Amino acid sequence: MCVDGVDLHVRADGPVDGPALLMLHGFGASTAWFDQLVARLPEFRIIRVDLLGHGGSARPTSGYDPDSQGRLYASLLAELDLDDVTVVGHSMGGLFGVATAEHSTRVARLVLMGEGPDTSTGTLPPGEWVIHTPWIGPILQQYGPGFVTDRVVRRAFAPGFDMATAFTDPSQGLDDARSLNHPAFTQTMRRRQAWTRRLGLDARLDNLALPALVIFGGEDRFYDVDAALARYRAVRTITTTVLEHVGHTPMIEAPDRVAELIRAFLG
């Protein structure tokens, strides 16, 4: 689908007159990371999109800052003529969901999974800086040893989680991580940090004054869950939930519980 001159891979599920959900996946992922959740929410009109630079969407050399992406997904909602939309964002998709709400009055509420208010509450995998190195970075990101990328993907799940249950295609995580072009990798990370340094997601949600549900797995290995939740709980419009024995990816590790939480939140 072409939106503002940009080709986006968009998937639609559910009845056309169902309550609208826009699902935005995390960094290095794809729409497939929501497959299990979509299957458990058949009454909703669910729109999924591969983020810019990911999966089947375009891979330009620029446009990866949160404001540009927020405007892009806001335009997508306008193209589809969807109103009263709940944005469901995982990890960095949650950040882009907040940016979308800042650029669209069609967003009525937000669900954020595994995304802290800014990078001060998170940690990156050891050695991640190497990917940002010119010449070397693009080669490693696209063609580096599979076991290294798999280890990073594995970190998105709680210790002991059975990865065989995560995806229909066992290579999904590795393929998605390698699908990014290098500008998407480096620019997204750097501009995300600058954007949240100006104003964190907690403050942005406070300014939006929209109902928001923040879900964390208690065993998230990318964020300090207590530090992130302390920030979010200070905002009156935010409801927080922690899922025990779950890591950074609740919609795959605990899809039944996440589906129930979304229904209760919208109800």
C-alpha atoms as a PDB file:
ATOM      1  CA  MET A   1       0.000   0.000   0.000  1.00  0.00           C
ATOM      2  CA  CYS A   2       1.385   3.418  -0.932  1.00  0.00           C
ATOM      3  CA  VAL A   3       1.067   6.028   1.847  1.00  0.00           C
ATOM      4  CA  ASP A   4       2.495   9.520   1.352  1.00  0.00           C
ATOM      5  CA  GLY A   5       4.587   8.107  -1.483  1.00  0.00           C
ATOM      6  CA  VAL A   6       5.996   5.317   0.711  1.00  0.00           C
ATOM      7  CA  ASP A   7       5.305   1.636   0.073  1.00  0.00           C
ATOM      8  CA  LEU A   8       4.117  -0.058   3.267  1.00  0.00           C
ATOM      9  CA  HIS A   9       3.347  -3.724   3.744  1.00  0.00           C
ATOM     10  CA  VAL A  10      -0.074  -3.661   5.440  1.00  0.00           C
ATOM     11  CA  ARG A  11      -2.137  -6.622   6.646  1.00  0.00           C
ATOM     12  CA  ALA A  12      -5.818  -6.451   7.612  1.00  0.00           C
ATOM     13  CA  ASP A  13      -7.722  -9.043   9.662  1.00  0.00           C
ATOM     14  CA  GLY A  14     -11.169  -9.269  11.198  1.00  0.00           C
ATOM     15  CA  PRO A  15     -14.563  -7.754  10.389  1.00  0.00           C
ATOM     16  CA  VAL A  16     -14.512  -4.378   8.642  1.00  0.00           C
ATOM     17  CA  ASP A  17     -16.962  -2.989  11.207  1.00  0.00           C
ATOM     18  CA  GLY A  18     -15.064  -4.299  14.242  1.00  0.00           C
ATOM     19  CA  PRO A  19     -13.278  -2.017  16.731  1.00  0.00           C
ATOM     20  CA  ALA A  20     -10.066  -0.849  15.075  1.00  0.00           C
ATOM     21  CA  LEU A  21      -6.626  -1.842  16.324  1.00  0.00           C
ATOM     22  CA  LEU A  22      -3.389  -0.656  14.702  1.00  0.00           C
ATOM     23  CA  MET A  23      -0.531  -2.991  15.633  1.00  0.00           C
ATOM     24  CA  LEU A  24       3.052  -1.763  15.351  1.00  0.00           C
ATOM     25  CA  HIS A  25       5.794  -4.332  15.905  1.00  0.00           C
ATOM     26  CA  GLY A  26       9.152  -3.765  17.543  1.00  0.00           C
ATOM     27  CA  PHE A  27      12.610  -3.050  16.186  1.00  0.00           C
ATOM     28  CA  GLY A  28      13.980  -5.860  14.020  1.00  0.00           C
ATOM     29  CA  ALA A  29      10.615  -7.657  13.928  1.00  0.00           C
ATOM     30  CA  SER A  30       7.632  -7.801  11.538  1.00  0.00           C
ATOM     31  CA  THR A  31       3.854  -8.199  11.453  1.00  0.00           C
ATOM     32  CA  ALA A  32       4.390 -11.938  12.108  1.00  0.00           C
ATOM     33  CA  TRP A  33       5.227 -11.169  15.732  1.00  0.00           C
ATOM     34  CA  PHE A  34       1.521 -10.405  16.276  1.00  0.00           C
ATOM     35  CA  ASP A  35       0.184 -13.584  14.635  1.00  0.00           C
ATOM     36  CA  GLN A  36      -0.741 -15.304  17.893  1.00  0.00           C
ATOM     37  CA  LEU A  37      -2.417 -12.210  19.317  1.00  0.00           C
ATOM     38  CA  VAL A  38      -4.432 -11.567  16.152  1.00  0.00           C
ATOM     39  CA  ALA A  39      -5.748 -15.122  16.246  1.00  0.00           C
ATOM     40  CA  ARG A  40      -7.114 -14.477  19.745  1.00  0.00           C
ATOM     41  CA  LEU A  41      -8.905 -11.218  18.859  1.00  0.00           C
ATOM     42  CA  PRO A  42     -11.193 -12.273  15.975  1.00  0.00           C
ATOM     43  CA  GLU A  43     -13.852  -9.636  16.715  1.00  0.00           C
ATOM     44  CA  PHE A  44     -11.499  -6.708  16.056  1.00  0.00           C
ATOM     45  CA  ARG A  45     -10.541  -5.001  12.813  1.00  0.00           C
ATOM     46  CA  ILE A  46      -6.793  -5.369  13.081  1.00  0.00           C
ATOM     47  CA  ILE A  47      -4.379  -3.457  10.863  1.00  0.00           C
ATOM     48  CA  ARG A  48      -0.742  -4.505  10.981  1.00  0.00           C
ATOM     49  CA  VAL A  49       2.094  -2.786   9.187  1.00  0.00           C
ATOM     50  CA  ASP A  50       5.753  -3.619   8.693  1.00  0.00           C
ATOM     51  CA  LEU A  51       7.581  -0.592  10.039  1.00  0.00           C
ATOM     52  CA  LEU A  52       9.631   1.478   7.635  1.00  0.00           C
ATOM     53  CA  GLY A  53      12.820  -0.393   6.762  1.00  0.00           C
ATOM     54  CA  HIS A  54      11.398  -3.728   7.960  1.00  0.00           C
ATOM     55  CA  GLY A  55       9.816  -6.779   6.347  1.00  0.00           C
ATOM     56  CA  GLY A  56       7.936  -5.985   3.160  1.00  0.00           C
ATOM     57  CA  SER A  57       7.913  -2.201   3.584  1.00  0.00           C
ATOM     58  CA  ALA A  58      10.127   0.310   1.797  1.00  0.00           C
ATOM     59  CA  ARG A  59      13.778   0.774   2.805  1.00  0.00           C
ATOM     60  CA  PRO A  60      14.609   4.441   2.155  1.00  0.00           C
ATOM     61  CA  THR A  61      17.802   6.106   3.328  1.00  0.00           C
ATOM     62  CA  SER A  62      15.964   8.515   5.660  1.00  0.00           C
ATOM     63  CA  GLY A  63      12.687   9.089   7.480  1.00  0.00           C
ATOM     64  CA  TYR A  64      13.377   6.853  10.473  1.00  0.00           C
ATOM     65  CA  ASP A  65      12.945   9.466  13.208  1.00  0.00           C
ATOM     66  CA  PRO A  66       9.831   9.055  15.409  1.00  0.00           C
ATOM     67  CA  ASP A  67       8.054  12.164  14.143  1.00  0.00           C
ATOM     68  CA  SER A  68       8.395  11.125  10.480  1.00  0.00           C
ATOM     69  CA  GLN A  69       7.177   7.629  11.261  1.00  0.00           C
ATOM     70  CA  GLY A  70       4.344   8.950  13.429  1.00  0.00           C
ATOM     71  CA  ARG A  71       3.140  11.113  10.544  1.00  0.00           C
ATOM     72  CA  LEU A  72       3.407   8.140   8.186  1.00  0.00           C
ATOM     73  CA  TYR A  73       1.223   5.838  10.303  1.00  0.00           C
ATOM     74  CA  ALA A  74      -1.181   8.706  10.995  1.00  0.00           C
ATOM     75  CA  SER A  75      -1.559   9.051   7.216  1.00  0.00           C
ATOM     76  CA  LEU A  76      -2.189   5.305   7.000  1.00  0.00           C
ATOM     77  CA  LEU A  77      -5.121   5.645   9.408  1.00  0.00           C
ATOM     78  CA  ALA A  78      -6.466   8.506   7.289  1.00  0.00           C
ATOM     79  CA  GLU A  79      -6.091   6.479   4.081  1.00  0.00           C
ATOM     80  CA  LEU A  80      -8.039   3.630   5.668  1.00  0.00           C
ATOM     81  CA  ASP A  81     -10.575   6.076   7.150  1.00  0.00           C
ATOM     82  CA  LEU A  82     -10.318   4.526  10.611  1.00  0.00           C
ATOM     83  CA  ASP A  83     -11.481   6.362  13.731  1.00  0.00           C
ATOM     84  CA  ASP A  84     -11.515   5.593  17.453  1.00  0.00           C
ATOM     85  CA  VAL A  85      -8.353   3.551  16.919  1.00  0.00           C
ATOM     86  CA  THR A  86      -6.446   1.724  19.632  1.00  0.00           C
ATOM     87  CA  VAL A  87      -2.749   1.550  18.809  1.00  0.00           C
ATOM     88  CA  VAL A  88      -1.056  -1.601  20.112  1.00  0.00           C
ATOM     89  CA  GLY A  89       2.711  -1.207  20.006  1.00  0.00           C
ATOM     90  CA  HIS A  90       5.416  -3.644  21.008  1.00  0.00           C
ATOM     91  CA  SER A  91       8.795  -2.325  22.134  1.00  0.00           C
ATOM     92  CA  MET A  92       9.831   0.424  19.701  1.00  0.00           C
ATOM     93  CA  GLY A  93       6.446   0.046  18.030  1.00  0.00           C
ATOM     94  CA  GLY A  94       5.009   1.474  21.238  1.00  0.00           C
ATOM     95  CA  LEU A  95       7.189   4.558  20.827  1.00  0.00           C
ATOM     96  CA  PHE A  96       5.998   4.967  17.237  1.00  0.00           C
ATOM     97  CA  GLY A  97       2.443   4.459  18.489  1.00  0.00           C
ATOM     98  CA  VAL A  98       2.833   7.451  20.794  1.00  0.00           C
ATOM     99  CA  ALA A  99       4.293   9.461  17.902  1.00  0.00           C
ATOM    100  CA  THR A 100       1.299   8.426  15.753  1.00  0.00           C
ATOM    101  CA  ALA A 101      -1.107   9.653  18.438  1.00  0.00           C
ATOM    102  CA  GLU A 102       0.727  12.981  18.515  1.00  0.00           C
ATOM    103  CA  HIS A 103       0.009  13.389  14.801  1.00  0.00           C
ATOM    104  CA  SER A 104      -3.519  11.963  14.562  1.00  0.00           C
ATOM    105  CA  THR A 105      -6.820  12.652  16.303  1.00  0.00           C
ATOM    106  CA  ARG A 106      -7.978   9.233  15.073  1.00  0.00           C
ATOM    107  CA  VAL A 107      -6.075   7.534  17.908  1.00  0.00           C
ATOM    108  CA  ALA A 108      -8.269   7.162  21.003  1.00  0.00           C
ATOM    109  CA  ARG A 109      -6.121   4.966  23.271  1.00  0.00           C
ATOM    110  CA  LEU A 110      -2.798   3.132  23.376  1.00  0.00           C
ATOM    111  CA  VAL A 111      -1.425  -0.204  24.524  1.00  0.00           C
ATOM    112  CA  LEU A 112       2.348  -0.330  25.016  1.00  0.00           C
ATOM    113  CA  MET A 113       4.168  -3.610  25.574  1.00  0.00           C
ATOM    114  CA  GLY A 114       7.783  -3.785  26.679  1.00  0.00           C
ATOM    115  CA  GLU A 115       8.700  -0.149  26.009  1.00  0.00           C
ATOM    116  CA  GLY A 116      10.250   2.108  28.617  1.00  0.00           C
ATOM    117  CA  PRO A 117       9.728   5.878  28.807  1.00  0.00           C
ATOM    118  CA  ASP A 118      13.257   6.490  27.490  1.00  0.00           C
ATOM    119  CA  THR A 119      16.591   4.761  27.028  1.00  0.00           C
ATOM    120  CA  SER A 120      17.712   5.541  30.580  1.00  0.00           C
ATOM    121  CA  THR A 121      15.498   2.670  31.751  1.00  0.00           C
ATOM    122  CA  GLY A 122      16.827   0.168  29.201  1.00  0.00           C
ATOM    123  CA  THR A 123      19.940  -1.752  28.231  1.00  0.00           C
ATOM    124  CA  LEU A 124      21.210  -2.808  24.808  1.00  0.00           C
ATOM    125  CA  PRO A 125      22.835  -6.158  23.991  1.00  0.00           C
ATOM    126  CA  PRO A 126      26.628  -6.199  24.531  1.00  0.00           C
ATOM    127  CA  GLY A 127      28.514  -5.248  21.367  1.00  0.00           C
ATOM    128  CA  GLU A 128      25.527  -3.545  19.725  1.00  0.00           C
ATOM    129  CA  TRP A 129      27.747  -0.507  19.011  1.00  0.00           C
ATOM    130  CA  VAL A 130      29.661  -2.510  16.377  1.00  0.00           C
ATOM    131  CA  ILE A 131      26.617  -2.497  14.076  1.00  0.00           C
ATOM    132  CA  HIS A 132      26.811   1.296  13.878  1.00  0.00           C
ATOM    133  CA  THR A 133      30.360   1.202  12.500  1.00  0.00           C
ATOM    134  CA  PRO A 134      30.576   2.310   8.837  1.00  0.00           C
ATOM    135  CA  TRP A 135      31.374  -0.453   6.319  1.00  0.00           C
ATOM    136  CA  ILE A 136      31.733  -3.130   9.006  1.00  0.00           C
ATOM    137  CA  GLY A 137      28.273  -2.608  10.490  1.00  0.00           C
ATOM    138  CA  PRO A 138      26.208  -3.299   7.352  1.00  0.00           C
ATOM    139  CA  ILE A 139      28.154  -6.491   6.626  1.00  0.00           C
ATOM    140  CA  LEU A 140      27.740  -7.828  10.154  1.00  0.00           C
ATOM    141  CA  GLN A 141      24.073  -6.898  10.315  1.00  0.00           C
ATOM    142  CA  GLN A 142      23.201  -8.607   7.039  1.00  0.00           C
ATOM    143  CA  TYR A 143      25.699 -11.450   6.865  1.00  0.00           C
ATOM    144  CA  GLY A 144      27.100 -11.958  10.360  1.00  0.00           C
ATOM    145  CA  PRO A 145      26.996 -15.366  12.070  1.00  0.00           C
ATOM    146  CA  GLY A 146      23.427 -16.519  12.560  1.00  0.00           C
ATOM    147  CA  PHE A 147      24.068 -17.648  16.125  1.00  0.00           C
ATOM    148  CA  VAL A 148      24.954 -14.070  17.134  1.00  0.00           C
ATOM    149  CA  THR A 149      21.705 -12.661  15.756  1.00  0.00           C
ATOM    150  CA  ASP A 150      19.751 -15.567  17.215  1.00  0.00           C
ATOM    151  CA  ARG A 151      21.200 -14.779  20.638  1.00  0.00           C
ATOM    152  CA  VAL A 152      19.948 -11.177  20.382  1.00  0.00           C
ATOM    153  CA  VAL A 153      16.503 -12.380  19.276  1.00  0.00           C
ATOM    154  CA  ARG A 154      16.482 -14.905  22.119  1.00  0.00           C
ATOM    155  CA  ARG A 155      17.072 -12.067  24.581  1.00  0.00           C
ATOM    156  CA  ALA A 156      13.593 -10.759  23.699  1.00  0.00           C
ATOM    157  CA  PHE A 157      12.093 -13.725  25.562  1.00  0.00           C
ATOM    158  CA  ALA A 158      12.211 -14.886  29.159  1.00  0.00           C
ATOM    159  CA  PRO A 159      14.910 -17.413  30.088  1.00  0.00           C
ATOM    160  CA  GLY A 160      13.603 -20.907  29.490  1.00  0.00           C
ATOM    161  CA  PHE A 161      10.899 -19.881  27.004  1.00  0.00           C
ATOM    162  CA  ASP A 162      10.416 -22.539  24.316  1.00  0.00           C
ATOM    163  CA  MET A 163      11.380 -20.718  21.109  1.00  0.00           C
ATOM    164  CA  ALA A 164       9.828 -23.530  19.056  1.00  0.00           C
ATOM    165  CA  THR A 165       6.424 -22.099  20.015  1.00  0.00           C
ATOM    166  CA  ALA A 166       7.226 -18.506  19.066  1.00  0.00           C
ATOM    167  CA  PHE A 167       6.689 -18.535  15.300  1.00  0.00           C
ATOM    168  CA  THR A 168       5.201 -20.759  12.605  1.00  0.00           C
ATOM    169  CA  ASP A 169       8.465 -20.354  10.676  1.00  0.00           C
ATOM    170  CA  PRO A 170      11.448 -21.262  12.907  1.00  0.00           C
ATOM    171  CA  SER A 171      13.679 -18.807  11.023  1.00  0.00           C
ATOM    172  CA  GLN A 172      11.287 -15.859  11.461  1.00  0.00           C
ATOM    173  CA  GLY A 173      13.287 -14.061  14.140  1.00  0.00           C
ATOM    174  CA  LEU A 174      16.583 -14.312  12.276  1.00  0.00           C
ATOM    175  CA  ASP A 175      15.008 -13.358   8.934  1.00  0.00           C
ATOM    176  CA  ASP A 176      13.272 -10.322  10.426  1.00  0.00           C
ATOM    177  CA  ALA A 177      16.421  -9.096  12.164  1.00  0.00           C
ATOM    178  CA  ARG A 178      18.350  -9.323   8.894  1.00  0.00           C
ATOM    179  CA  SER A 179      15.597  -7.671   6.844  1.00  0.00           C
ATOM    180  CA  LEU A 180      16.498  -4.179   8.053  1.00  0.00           C
ATOM    181  CA  ASN A 181      18.604  -1.970   5.866  1.00  0.00           C
ATOM    182  CA  HIS A 182      21.509  -0.343   7.663  1.00  0.00           C
ATOM    183  CA  PRO A 183      20.048   3.208   7.729  1.00  0.00           C
ATOM    184  CA  ALA A 184      16.954   1.797   9.466  1.00  0.00           C
ATOM    185  CA  PHE A 185      19.153   0.161  12.062  1.00  0.00           C
ATOM    186  CA  THR A 186      21.403   3.094  12.908  1.00  0.00           C
ATOM    187  CA  GLN A 187      19.068   6.064  12.379  1.00  0.00           C
ATOM    188  CA  THR A 188      16.140   4.559  14.245  1.00  0.00           C
ATOM    189  CA  MET A 189      18.198   3.865  17.348  1.00  0.00           C
ATOM    190  CA  ARG A 190      19.948   7.225  17.437  1.00  0.00           C
ATOM    191  CA  ARG A 191      16.908   9.362  16.688  1.00  0.00           C
ATOM    192  CA  ARG A 192      14.756   7.442  19.120  1.00  0.00           C
ATOM    193  CA  GLN A 193      17.251   8.285  21.852  1.00  0.00           C
ATOM    194  CA  ALA A 194      17.290  11.976  20.943  1.00  0.00           C
ATOM    195  CA  TRP A 195      13.479  12.123  20.711  1.00  0.00           C
ATOM    196  CA  THR A 196      12.879  10.589  24.136  1.00  0.00           C
ATOM    197  CA  ARG A 197      15.669  12.670  25.652  1.00  0.00           C
ATOM    198  CA  ARG A 198      13.679  15.760  24.681  1.00  0.00           C
ATOM    199  CA  LEU A 199      10.514  14.314  26.235  1.00  0.00           C
ATOM    200  CA  GLY A 200       9.973  10.799  27.535  1.00  0.00           C
ATOM    201  CA  LEU A 201       6.990   8.633  26.708  1.00  0.00           C
ATOM    202  CA  ASP A 202       5.557   9.151  30.180  1.00  0.00           C
ATOM    203  CA  ALA A 203       5.483  12.923  29.662  1.00  0.00           C
ATOM    204  CA  ARG A 204       4.192  12.572  26.104  1.00  0.00           C
ATOM    205  CA  LEU A 205       1.348  10.325  27.274  1.00  0.00           C
ATOM    206  CA  ASP A 206       0.561  12.799  30.024  1.00  0.00           C
ATOM    207  CA  ASN A 207       0.326  15.552  27.406  1.00  0.00           C
ATOM    208  CA  LEU A 208      -1.873  13.426  25.125  1.00  0.00           C
ATOM    209  CA  ALA A 209      -4.221  12.626  28.034  1.00  0.00           C
ATOM    210  CA  LEU A 210      -5.378   9.448  26.258  1.00  0.00           C
ATOM    211  CA  PRO A 211      -6.105   6.227  28.162  1.00  0.00           C
ATOM    212  CA  ALA A 212      -3.050   3.992  27.964  1.00  0.00           C
ATOM    213  CA  LEU A 213      -2.259   0.466  29.096  1.00  0.00           C
ATOM    214  CA  VAL A 214       1.401  -0.397  29.687  1.00  0.00           C
ATOM    215  CA  ILE A 215       2.279  -4.099  29.828  1.00  0.00           C
ATOM    216  CA  PHE A 216       5.646  -5.452  30.895  1.00  0.00           C
ATOM    217  CA  GLY A 217       6.912  -8.958  31.342  1.00  0.00           C
ATOM    218  CA  GLY A 218       8.429  -9.387  34.772  1.00  0.00           C
ATOM    219  CA  GLU A 219      11.514 -11.008  33.203  1.00  0.00           C
ATOM    220  CA  ASP A 220      12.089  -8.379  30.507  1.00  0.00           C
ATOM    221  CA  ARG A 221      15.804  -8.381  29.667  1.00  0.00           C
ATOM    222  CA  PHE A 222      15.812  -5.089  27.761  1.00  0.00           C
ATOM    223  CA  TYR A 223      14.353  -2.835  30.447  1.00  0.00           C
ATOM    224  CA  ASP A 224      14.576  -2.185  34.160  1.00  0.00           C
ATOM    225  CA  VAL A 225      10.887  -2.931  34.707  1.00  0.00           C
ATOM    226  CA  ASP A 226      10.639  -1.306  38.145  1.00  0.00           C
ATOM    227  CA  ALA A 227      12.265   1.924  36.964  1.00  0.00           C
ATOM    228  CA  ALA A 228      10.064   2.106  33.858  1.00  0.00           C
ATOM    229  CA  LEU A 229       6.859   1.392  35.762  1.00  0.00           C
ATOM    230  CA  ALA A 230       7.646   3.976  38.439  1.00  0.00           C
ATOM    231  CA  ARG A 231       7.686   6.624  35.699  1.00  0.00           C
ATOM    232  CA  TYR A 232       4.508   5.417  34.030  1.00  0.00           C
ATOM    233  CA  ARG A 233       2.554   5.059  37.281  1.00  0.00           C
ATOM    234  CA  ALA A 234       3.018   8.753  37.940  1.00  0.00           C
ATOM    235  CA  VAL A 235       0.755   9.542  34.947  1.00  0.00           C
ATOM    236  CA  ARG A 236      -2.958   9.482  35.805  1.00  0.00           C
ATOM    237  CA  THR A 237      -4.149   8.173  32.410  1.00  0.00           C
ATOM    238  CA  ILE A 238      -1.849   5.136  32.410  1.00  0.00           C
ATOM    239  CA  THR A 239      -2.751   1.688  33.728  1.00  0.00           C
ATOM    240  CA  THR A 240       0.165  -0.702  34.242  1.00  0.00           C
ATOM    241  CA  THR A 241       0.332  -4.488  34.348  1.00  0.00           C
ATOM    242  CA  VAL A 242       3.227  -6.886  34.935  1.00  0.00           C
ATOM    243  CA  LEU A 243       3.028 -10.459  33.637  1.00  0.00           C
ATOM    244  CA  GLU A 244       5.120 -12.855  35.669  1.00  0.00           C
ATOM    245  CA  HIS A 245       7.349 -15.458  33.966  1.00  0.00           C
ATOM    246  CA  VAL A 246       7.198 -13.381  30.758  1.00  0.00           C
ATOM    247  CA  GLY A 247      10.018 -11.525  29.025  1.00  0.00           C
ATOM    248  CA  HIS A 248      10.166  -8.645  26.563  1.00  0.00           C
ATOM    249  CA  THR A 249       7.579 -10.093  24.155  1.00  0.00           C
ATOM    250  CA  PRO A 250       4.260 -10.635  25.989  1.00  0.00           C
ATOM    251  CA  MET A 251       2.120 -11.064  22.856  1.00  0.00           C
ATOM    252  CA  ILE A 252       4.110 -14.197  21.939  1.00  0.00           C
ATOM    253  CA  GLU A 253       4.958 -15.508  25.386  1.00  0.00           C
ATOM    254  CA  ALA A 254       1.492 -14.947  26.903  1.00  0.00           C
ATOM    255  CA  PRO A 255      -0.958 -14.201  24.066  1.00  0.00           C
ATOM    256  CA  ASP A 256      -4.053 -15.352  25.977  1.00  0.00           C
ATOM    257  CA  ARG A 257      -3.340 -13.009  28.867  1.00  0.00           C
ATOM    258  CA  VAL A 258      -2.520 -10.095  26.578  1.00  0.00           C
ATOM    259  CA  ALA A 259      -5.746 -10.614  24.593  1.00  0.00           C
ATOM    260  CA  GLU A 260      -7.730 -10.590  27.834  1.00  0.00           C
ATOM    261  CA  LEU A 261      -5.995  -7.423  28.995  1.00  0.00           C
ATOM    262  CA  ILE A 262      -6.761  -5.643  25.702  1.00  0.00           C
ATOM    263  CA  ARG A 263     -10.434  -6.659  25.842  1.00  0.00           C
ATOM    264  CA  ALA A 264     -10.755  -5.488  29.434  1.00  0.00           C
ATOM    265  CA  PHE A 265      -8.976  -2.227  28.641  1.00  0.00           C
ATOM    266  CA  LEU A 266     -11.265  -1.450  25.726  1.00  0.00           C
ATOM    267  CA  GLY A 267     -14.319  -2.596  27.631  1.00  0.00           C
END
